[in-house]
Amino acid sequence: MKIVSKYGSNQKLDVTELEQLYSDGAGYDILRYIGLPELFGEEKDTLLYFLGRNLARKFEFSSLEDLSLFFEKMGLGTLDLVKDKKNVKTFYLLSDTIVAKLKSNMETDFRLEAGIIAEALQQLEDVDCECLESVHRRLKQVEFTVYIQD
């Protein structure tokens, strides 16, 4: 998986470049779940989804393993494919941080992650894809359903 550099569309960075970045997560969570939603206002769901899609366009995904690696390296959690049908794929997002976020009083959503998944699958399948997320608070997991257009 390669990232498109801001310095030019031809220069690519390897996903291992992400290992050089470090965050304990608190600053990210404040920006992600408080700052961006306040900035985006009523359009936050749509804007976060398309922000995720735009971020995913900066990477080349050649397999579902690349997508899982991306989620891991970005600290988003462990993304597992649990159902794979012709036009629908279902993923679970799990991690200790997801459990902590879902237990907290902070309002959390996963529209950004849904956008990333939709765009990555669109690259892999070479057809239009849309992704919806469902938060299972009791199970402390997030489910993503990707609908693949024929």
N, C-alpha and C. Protein backbone atom coordinates (compact mmCIF):
# COMPACT_ATOMS: atom_id res chain seq x y z
N MET A 1 0.85 -1.16 0.00
CA MET A 1 0.00 0.00 0.00
C MET A 1 0.90 1.22 0.00
N LYS A 2 0.61 2.16 -0.85
CA LYS A 2 1.40 3.38 -0.98
C LYS A 2 0.51 4.59 -0.72
N ILE A 3 1.12 5.64 -0.19
CA ILE A 3 0.41 6.90 0.03
C ILE A 3 0.90 7.91 -0.99
N VAL A 4 -0.03 8.70 -1.51
CA VAL A 4 0.34 9.75 -2.44
C VAL A 4 0.83 10.94 -1.63
N SER A 5 2.01 11.39 -1.92
CA SER A 5 2.62 12.49 -1.19
C SER A 5 2.00 13.82 -1.59
N LYS A 6 1.98 14.77 -0.68
CA LYS A 6 1.49 16.10 -0.99
C LYS A 6 2.43 16.84 -1.93
N TYR A 7 3.63 16.31 -2.11
CA TYR A 7 4.63 16.96 -2.94
C TYR A 7 4.50 16.60 -4.41
N GLY A 8 3.58 15.76 -4.76
CA GLY A 8 3.40 15.42 -6.16
C GLY A 8 2.71 14.08 -6.30
N SER A 9 1.88 13.95 -7.29
CA SER A 9 1.10 12.74 -7.46
C SER A 9 1.94 11.53 -7.85
N ASN A 10 3.17 11.76 -8.38
CA ASN A 10 4.01 10.64 -8.79
C ASN A 10 4.83 10.07 -7.65
N GLN A 11 5.08 10.85 -6.62
CA GLN A 11 5.88 10.38 -5.48
C GLN A 11 4.97 9.63 -4.51
N LYS A 12 5.36 8.40 -4.17
CA LYS A 12 4.58 7.57 -3.28
C LYS A 12 5.36 7.26 -2.02
N LEU A 13 4.66 7.16 -0.92
CA LEU A 13 5.26 6.76 0.35
C LEU A 13 4.71 5.41 0.75
N ASP A 14 5.53 4.59 1.32
CA ASP A 14 5.10 3.28 1.77
C ASP A 14 4.34 3.41 3.09
N VAL A 15 3.47 2.46 3.34
CA VAL A 15 2.67 2.48 4.56
C VAL A 15 3.55 2.42 5.81
N THR A 16 4.76 1.90 5.68
CA THR A 16 5.66 1.85 6.84
C THR A 16 6.04 3.25 7.31
N GLU A 17 5.86 4.25 6.46
CA GLU A 17 6.09 5.64 6.87
C GLU A 17 5.18 6.01 8.04
N LEU A 18 4.02 5.37 8.13
CA LEU A 18 3.08 5.65 9.22
C LEU A 18 3.65 5.25 10.57
N GLU A 19 4.60 4.31 10.58
CA GLU A 19 5.20 3.87 11.83
C GLU A 19 6.04 4.96 12.48
N GLN A 20 6.45 5.95 11.71
CA GLN A 20 7.25 7.03 12.26
C GLN A 20 6.41 8.05 13.02
N LEU A 21 5.10 7.98 12.84
CA LEU A 21 4.19 8.87 13.55
C LEU A 21 3.79 8.23 14.86
N TYR A 22 3.62 9.04 15.90
CA TYR A 22 3.23 8.49 17.19
C TYR A 22 2.16 9.36 17.81
N SER A 23 1.18 8.72 18.37
CA SER A 23 0.13 9.41 19.11
C SER A 23 -0.41 8.47 20.16
N ASP A 24 -0.67 9.00 21.34
CA ASP A 24 -1.28 8.14 22.35
C ASP A 24 -2.79 8.08 22.17
N GLY A 25 -3.32 8.85 21.25
CA GLY A 25 -4.73 8.75 20.90
C GLY A 25 -5.62 9.82 21.48
N ALA A 26 -5.31 10.38 22.64
CA ALA A 26 -6.20 11.35 23.27
C ALA A 26 -6.36 12.60 22.42
N GLY A 27 -5.26 13.12 21.90
CA GLY A 27 -5.33 14.30 21.05
C GLY A 27 -6.13 14.04 19.79
N TYR A 28 -5.90 12.87 19.19
CA TYR A 28 -6.65 12.47 18.00
C TYR A 28 -8.15 12.41 18.32
N ASP A 29 -8.49 11.77 19.42
CA ASP A 29 -9.90 11.62 19.78
C ASP A 29 -10.59 12.96 20.01
N ILE A 30 -9.89 13.89 20.65
CA ILE A 30 -10.47 15.22 20.88
C ILE A 30 -10.75 15.90 19.54
N LEU A 31 -9.77 15.87 18.64
CA LEU A 31 -9.98 16.46 17.32
C LEU A 31 -11.09 15.73 16.55
N ARG A 32 -11.04 14.41 16.56
CA ARG A 32 -11.96 13.59 15.76
C ARG A 32 -13.40 13.65 16.25
N TYR A 33 -13.60 13.57 17.55
CA TYR A 33 -14.96 13.44 18.07
C TYR A 33 -15.54 14.73 18.64
N ILE A 34 -14.71 15.77 18.80
CA ILE A 34 -15.22 17.06 19.29
C ILE A 34 -14.94 18.16 18.27
N GLY A 35 -13.66 18.35 17.90
CA GLY A 35 -13.29 19.44 17.01
C GLY A 35 -13.94 19.38 15.64
N LEU A 36 -13.76 18.26 14.94
CA LEU A 36 -14.32 18.15 13.58
C LEU A 36 -15.85 18.22 13.56
N PRO A 37 -16.56 17.50 14.44
CA PRO A 37 -18.02 17.62 14.42
C PRO A 37 -18.51 19.05 14.69
N GLU A 38 -17.84 19.77 15.59
CA GLU A 38 -18.22 21.17 15.83
C GLU A 38 -17.96 22.01 14.60
N LEU A 39 -16.82 21.80 13.97
CA LEU A 39 -16.47 22.55 12.77
C LEU A 39 -17.45 22.26 11.62
N PHE A 40 -17.81 20.99 11.45
CA PHE A 40 -18.68 20.60 10.34
C PHE A 40 -20.15 20.86 10.60
N GLY A 41 -20.55 20.98 11.85
CA GLY A 41 -21.95 21.29 12.17
C GLY A 41 -22.91 20.20 11.74
N GLU A 42 -24.04 20.62 11.22
CA GLU A 42 -25.10 19.69 10.84
C GLU A 42 -24.69 18.75 9.71
N GLU A 43 -23.70 19.12 8.96
CA GLU A 43 -23.23 18.30 7.82
C GLU A 43 -22.14 17.33 8.22
N LYS A 44 -21.90 17.16 9.52
CA LYS A 44 -20.76 16.36 9.98
C LYS A 44 -20.77 14.93 9.45
N ASP A 45 -21.92 14.27 9.43
CA ASP A 45 -21.97 12.88 8.97
C ASP A 45 -21.50 12.76 7.51
N THR A 46 -22.03 13.62 6.67
CA THR A 46 -21.67 13.60 5.25
C THR A 46 -20.21 13.99 5.05
N LEU A 47 -19.77 15.05 5.72
CA LEU A 47 -18.41 15.53 5.54
C LEU A 47 -17.37 14.54 6.07
N LEU A 48 -17.64 13.91 7.20
CA LEU A 48 -16.71 12.90 7.73
C LEU A 48 -16.62 11.70 6.79
N TYR A 49 -17.74 11.28 6.23
CA TYR A 49 -17.75 10.15 5.30
C TYR A 49 -16.88 10.48 4.07
N PHE A 50 -17.07 11.67 3.50
CA PHE A 50 -16.30 12.02 2.31
C PHE A 50 -14.86 12.38 2.63
N LEU A 51 -14.59 12.83 3.84
CA LEU A 51 -13.21 13.00 4.29
C LEU A 51 -12.51 11.64 4.31
N GLY A 52 -13.19 10.62 4.82
CA GLY A 52 -12.64 9.27 4.83
C GLY A 52 -12.38 8.76 3.42
N ARG A 53 -13.32 8.99 2.52
CA ARG A 53 -13.14 8.56 1.13
C ARG A 53 -11.94 9.27 0.51
N ASN A 54 -11.84 10.57 0.77
CA ASN A 54 -10.73 11.34 0.20
C ASN A 54 -9.39 10.86 0.75
N LEU A 55 -9.31 10.57 2.04
CA LEU A 55 -8.07 10.05 2.61
C LEU A 55 -7.69 8.72 1.97
N ALA A 56 -8.66 7.85 1.75
CA ALA A 56 -8.38 6.54 1.16
C ALA A 56 -7.88 6.66 -0.28
N ARG A 57 -8.28 7.72 -0.97
CA ARG A 57 -7.80 7.93 -2.35
C ARG A 57 -6.30 8.20 -2.41
N LYS A 58 -5.72 8.57 -1.29
CA LYS A 58 -4.28 8.86 -1.23
C LYS A 58 -3.45 7.58 -1.13
N PHE A 59 -4.12 6.45 -0.97
CA PHE A 59 -3.45 5.16 -0.81
C PHE A 59 -3.84 4.22 -1.94
N GLU A 60 -2.93 3.31 -2.24
CA GLU A 60 -3.23 2.22 -3.17
C GLU A 60 -3.54 0.99 -2.35
N PHE A 61 -4.73 0.46 -2.48
CA PHE A 61 -5.11 -0.76 -1.80
C PHE A 61 -5.14 -1.88 -2.84
N SER A 62 -4.30 -2.88 -2.67
CA SER A 62 -4.27 -3.98 -3.63
C SER A 62 -4.94 -5.24 -3.07
N SER A 63 -5.33 -5.19 -1.78
CA SER A 63 -5.98 -6.35 -1.18
C SER A 63 -6.72 -5.91 0.09
N LEU A 64 -7.58 -6.79 0.57
CA LEU A 64 -8.25 -6.52 1.84
C LEU A 64 -7.26 -6.49 3.00
N GLU A 65 -6.17 -7.21 2.85
CA GLU A 65 -5.12 -7.19 3.87
C GLU A 65 -4.51 -5.79 3.97
N ASP A 66 -4.37 -5.10 2.83
CA ASP A 66 -3.89 -3.71 2.85
C ASP A 66 -4.83 -2.82 3.65
N LEU A 67 -6.13 -3.02 3.46
CA LEU A 67 -7.12 -2.23 4.19
C LEU A 67 -7.01 -2.50 5.69
N SER A 68 -6.90 -3.76 6.07
CA SER A 68 -6.74 -4.10 7.49
C SER A 68 -5.46 -3.51 8.06
N LEU A 69 -4.38 -3.57 7.28
CA LEU A 69 -3.11 -3.00 7.72
C LEU A 69 -3.22 -1.48 7.90
N PHE A 70 -3.91 -0.83 6.99
CA PHE A 70 -4.14 0.60 7.08
C PHE A 70 -4.85 0.94 8.39
N PHE A 71 -5.92 0.22 8.72
CA PHE A 71 -6.65 0.46 9.96
C PHE A 71 -5.76 0.25 11.17
N GLU A 72 -4.94 -0.78 11.12
CA GLU A 72 -4.03 -1.06 12.23
C GLU A 72 -3.00 0.06 12.39
N LYS A 73 -2.34 0.45 11.31
CA LYS A 73 -1.30 1.46 11.36
C LYS A 73 -1.85 2.83 11.73
N MET A 74 -3.08 3.12 11.36
CA MET A 74 -3.69 4.40 11.69
C MET A 74 -4.28 4.41 13.11
N GLY A 75 -4.22 3.27 13.79
CA GLY A 75 -4.75 3.21 15.15
C GLY A 75 -6.26 3.21 15.21
N LEU A 76 -6.90 2.78 14.13
CA LEU A 76 -8.35 2.79 14.07
C LEU A 76 -8.97 1.51 14.64
N GLY A 77 -8.17 0.47 14.81
CA GLY A 77 -8.67 -0.79 15.33
C GLY A 77 -8.36 -1.93 14.38
N THR A 78 -8.86 -3.10 14.75
CA THR A 78 -8.68 -4.30 13.95
C THR A 78 -9.91 -4.49 13.09
N LEU A 79 -9.73 -4.45 11.77
CA LEU A 79 -10.83 -4.59 10.83
C LEU A 79 -10.83 -6.01 10.29
N ASP A 80 -11.93 -6.73 10.54
CA ASP A 80 -12.04 -8.12 10.10
C ASP A 80 -13.23 -8.30 9.17
N LEU A 81 -13.00 -8.96 8.04
CA LEU A 81 -14.09 -9.34 7.13
C LEU A 81 -14.79 -10.54 7.74
N VAL A 82 -16.11 -10.42 7.99
CA VAL A 82 -16.85 -11.52 8.62
C VAL A 82 -17.87 -12.16 7.69
N LYS A 83 -18.32 -11.44 6.66
CA LYS A 83 -19.23 -12.00 5.66
C LYS A 83 -18.82 -11.46 4.30
N ASP A 84 -18.78 -12.36 3.32
CA ASP A 84 -18.36 -11.97 1.99
C ASP A 84 -19.32 -12.57 0.97
N LYS A 85 -20.31 -11.78 0.57
CA LYS A 85 -21.24 -12.21 -0.46
C LYS A 85 -20.95 -11.42 -1.73
N LYS A 86 -21.62 -11.76 -2.81
CA LYS A 86 -21.32 -11.16 -4.10
C LYS A 86 -21.38 -9.63 -4.06
N ASN A 87 -22.45 -9.06 -3.55
CA ASN A 87 -22.63 -7.62 -3.58
C ASN A 87 -22.64 -6.96 -2.20
N VAL A 88 -22.35 -7.73 -1.17
CA VAL A 88 -22.34 -7.19 0.19
C VAL A 88 -21.19 -7.81 0.98
N LYS A 89 -20.42 -6.95 1.62
CA LYS A 89 -19.35 -7.42 2.51
C LYS A 89 -19.59 -6.80 3.88
N THR A 90 -19.36 -7.59 4.92
CA THR A 90 -19.55 -7.11 6.28
C THR A 90 -18.23 -7.23 7.04
N PHE A 91 -17.88 -6.14 7.70
CA PHE A 91 -16.66 -6.07 8.49
C PHE A 91 -17.01 -5.73 9.93
N TYR A 92 -16.19 -6.21 10.86
CA TYR A 92 -16.26 -5.77 12.25
C TYR A 92 -14.99 -5.00 12.57
N LEU A 93 -15.17 -3.94 13.33
CA LEU A 93 -14.04 -3.17 13.83
C LEU A 93 -13.98 -3.38 15.33
N LEU A 94 -12.86 -3.92 15.80
CA LEU A 94 -12.70 -4.25 17.21
C LEU A 94 -11.36 -3.74 17.71
N SER A 95 -11.30 -3.37 18.95
CA SER A 95 -10.03 -3.06 19.63
C SER A 95 -10.35 -2.58 21.03
N ASP A 96 -9.34 -2.53 21.84
CA ASP A 96 -9.51 -1.99 23.19
C ASP A 96 -9.91 -0.52 23.13
N THR A 97 -9.36 0.21 22.15
CA THR A 97 -9.72 1.62 22.05
C THR A 97 -11.17 1.81 21.61
N ILE A 98 -11.68 0.92 20.77
CA ILE A 98 -13.10 0.99 20.39
C ILE A 98 -13.96 0.75 21.62
N VAL A 99 -13.60 -0.24 22.43
CA VAL A 99 -14.34 -0.53 23.66
C VAL A 99 -14.33 0.71 24.55
N ALA A 100 -13.17 1.33 24.73
CA ALA A 100 -13.07 2.52 25.59
C ALA A 100 -13.91 3.67 25.04
N LYS A 101 -13.88 3.86 23.73
CA LYS A 101 -14.67 4.94 23.12
C LYS A 101 -16.16 4.71 23.32
N LEU A 102 -16.58 3.46 23.15
CA LEU A 102 -18.00 3.16 23.28
C LEU A 102 -18.46 3.20 24.74
N LYS A 103 -17.55 3.02 25.68
CA LYS A 103 -17.89 3.13 27.10
C LYS A 103 -17.89 4.58 27.58
N SER A 104 -17.20 5.45 26.87
CA SER A 104 -17.05 6.84 27.32
C SER A 104 -18.35 7.62 27.12
N ASN A 105 -18.38 8.80 27.72
CA ASN A 105 -19.52 9.70 27.54
C ASN A 105 -19.40 10.53 26.28
N MET A 106 -18.28 10.43 25.61
CA MET A 106 -18.05 11.19 24.38
C MET A 106 -18.92 10.60 23.26
N GLU A 107 -19.55 11.49 22.52
CA GLU A 107 -20.36 11.03 21.38
C GLU A 107 -19.41 10.57 20.28
N THR A 108 -19.48 9.31 19.92
CA THR A 108 -18.60 8.76 18.89
C THR A 108 -19.41 8.32 17.69
N ASP A 109 -18.79 8.41 16.54
CA ASP A 109 -19.38 7.88 15.32
C ASP A 109 -18.24 7.29 14.50
N PHE A 110 -18.59 6.61 13.45
CA PHE A 110 -17.57 5.94 12.65
C PHE A 110 -17.80 6.19 11.16
N ARG A 111 -18.26 7.41 10.84
CA ARG A 111 -18.50 7.80 9.45
C ARG A 111 -17.18 7.93 8.68
N LEU A 112 -16.16 8.47 9.33
CA LEU A 112 -14.86 8.60 8.67
C LEU A 112 -14.35 7.22 8.26
N GLU A 113 -14.43 6.26 9.16
CA GLU A 113 -13.98 4.90 8.88
C GLU A 113 -14.81 4.26 7.77
N ALA A 114 -16.12 4.53 7.78
CA ALA A 114 -16.99 3.99 6.73
C ALA A 114 -16.57 4.54 5.36
N GLY A 115 -16.22 5.80 5.30
CA GLY A 115 -15.76 6.39 4.05
C GLY A 115 -14.47 5.75 3.55
N ILE A 116 -13.55 5.50 4.48
CA ILE A 116 -12.29 4.85 4.11
C ILE A 116 -12.57 3.46 3.53
N ILE A 117 -13.42 2.71 4.19
CA ILE A 117 -13.74 1.35 3.72
C ILE A 117 -14.41 1.40 2.36
N ALA A 118 -15.37 2.29 2.18
CA ALA A 118 -16.08 2.39 0.89
C ALA A 118 -15.12 2.68 -0.25
N GLU A 119 -14.22 3.62 -0.04
CA GLU A 119 -13.29 3.99 -1.11
C GLU A 119 -12.28 2.88 -1.39
N ALA A 120 -11.79 2.23 -0.34
CA ALA A 120 -10.84 1.13 -0.54
C ALA A 120 -11.49 -0.01 -1.31
N LEU A 121 -12.72 -0.36 -0.96
CA LEU A 121 -13.42 -1.43 -1.67
C LEU A 121 -13.74 -1.02 -3.10
N GLN A 122 -14.02 0.26 -3.31
CA GLN A 122 -14.27 0.74 -4.66
C GLN A 122 -13.01 0.57 -5.51
N GLN A 123 -11.85 0.83 -4.93
CA GLN A 123 -10.58 0.60 -5.65
C GLN A 123 -10.40 -0.88 -5.96
N LEU A 124 -10.67 -1.73 -4.97
CA LEU A 124 -10.44 -3.16 -5.14
C LEU A 124 -11.41 -3.81 -6.11
N GLU A 125 -12.67 -3.39 -6.05
CA GLU A 125 -13.72 -4.02 -6.88
C GLU A 125 -13.91 -3.32 -8.22
N ASP A 126 -13.38 -2.09 -8.34
CA ASP A 126 -13.51 -1.28 -9.55
C ASP A 126 -14.97 -1.02 -9.93
N VAL A 127 -15.81 -0.88 -8.91
CA VAL A 127 -17.22 -0.51 -9.09
C VAL A 127 -17.61 0.40 -7.92
N ASP A 128 -18.74 1.09 -8.05
CA ASP A 128 -19.21 1.96 -6.98
C ASP A 128 -19.54 1.16 -5.73
N CYS A 129 -19.13 1.69 -4.60
CA CYS A 129 -19.40 1.05 -3.30
C CYS A 129 -19.88 2.11 -2.31
N GLU A 130 -20.76 1.72 -1.44
CA GLU A 130 -21.20 2.56 -0.33
C GLU A 130 -21.10 1.74 0.95
N CYS A 131 -20.84 2.40 2.05
CA CYS A 131 -20.65 1.71 3.33
C CYS A 131 -21.50 2.36 4.41
N LEU A 132 -22.19 1.53 5.15
CA LEU A 132 -22.98 1.98 6.30
C LEU A 132 -22.40 1.33 7.55
N GLU A 133 -22.44 2.07 8.65
CA GLU A 133 -21.93 1.52 9.90
C GLU A 133 -23.06 1.38 10.91
N SER A 134 -22.90 0.37 11.76
CA SER A 134 -23.82 0.13 12.88
C SER A 134 -22.98 -0.06 14.12
N VAL A 135 -23.31 0.67 15.15
CA VAL A 135 -22.58 0.57 16.41
C VAL A 135 -23.36 -0.35 17.33
N HIS A 136 -22.69 -1.41 17.79
CA HIS A 136 -23.30 -2.35 18.73
C HIS A 136 -22.69 -2.05 20.10
N ARG A 137 -23.34 -1.15 20.83
CA ARG A 137 -22.77 -0.69 22.11
C ARG A 137 -22.68 -1.81 23.13
N ARG A 138 -23.66 -2.70 23.16
CA ARG A 138 -23.62 -3.79 24.13
C ARG A 138 -22.45 -4.74 23.85
N LEU A 139 -22.19 -5.01 22.57
CA LEU A 139 -21.09 -5.90 22.19
C LEU A 139 -19.76 -5.16 22.09
N LYS A 140 -19.81 -3.82 22.14
CA LYS A 140 -18.61 -2.98 22.04
C LYS A 140 -17.86 -3.23 20.72
N GLN A 141 -18.63 -3.23 19.64
CA GLN A 141 -18.02 -3.38 18.32
C GLN A 141 -18.79 -2.55 17.31
N VAL A 142 -18.13 -2.30 16.20
CA VAL A 142 -18.73 -1.55 15.11
C VAL A 142 -18.80 -2.47 13.90
N GLU A 143 -19.94 -2.46 13.24
CA GLU A 143 -20.14 -3.28 12.05
C GLU A 143 -20.27 -2.36 10.84
N PHE A 144 -19.55 -2.71 9.78
CA PHE A 144 -19.63 -1.96 8.52
C PHE A 144 -20.18 -2.88 7.45
N THR A 145 -21.19 -2.40 6.73
CA THR A 145 -21.76 -3.16 5.63
C THR A 145 -21.48 -2.38 4.35
N VAL A 146 -20.78 -3.03 3.42
CA VAL A 146 -20.42 -2.42 2.15
C VAL A 146 -21.32 -2.99 1.07
N TYR A 147 -21.98 -2.10 0.37
CA TYR A 147 -22.84 -2.48 -0.75
C TYR A 147 -22.10 -2.20 -2.04
N ILE A 148 -21.92 -3.25 -2.83
CA ILE A 148 -21.15 -3.17 -4.07
C ILE A 148 -22.12 -3.15 -5.24
N GLN A 149 -22.03 -2.10 -6.06
CA GLN A 149 -22.92 -1.94 -7.21
C GLN A 149 -22.41 -2.78 -8.38
N ASP A 150 -23.34 -3.34 -9.11
CA ASP A 150 -22.96 -4.07 -10.35
C ASP A 150 -23.10 -3.18 -11.55
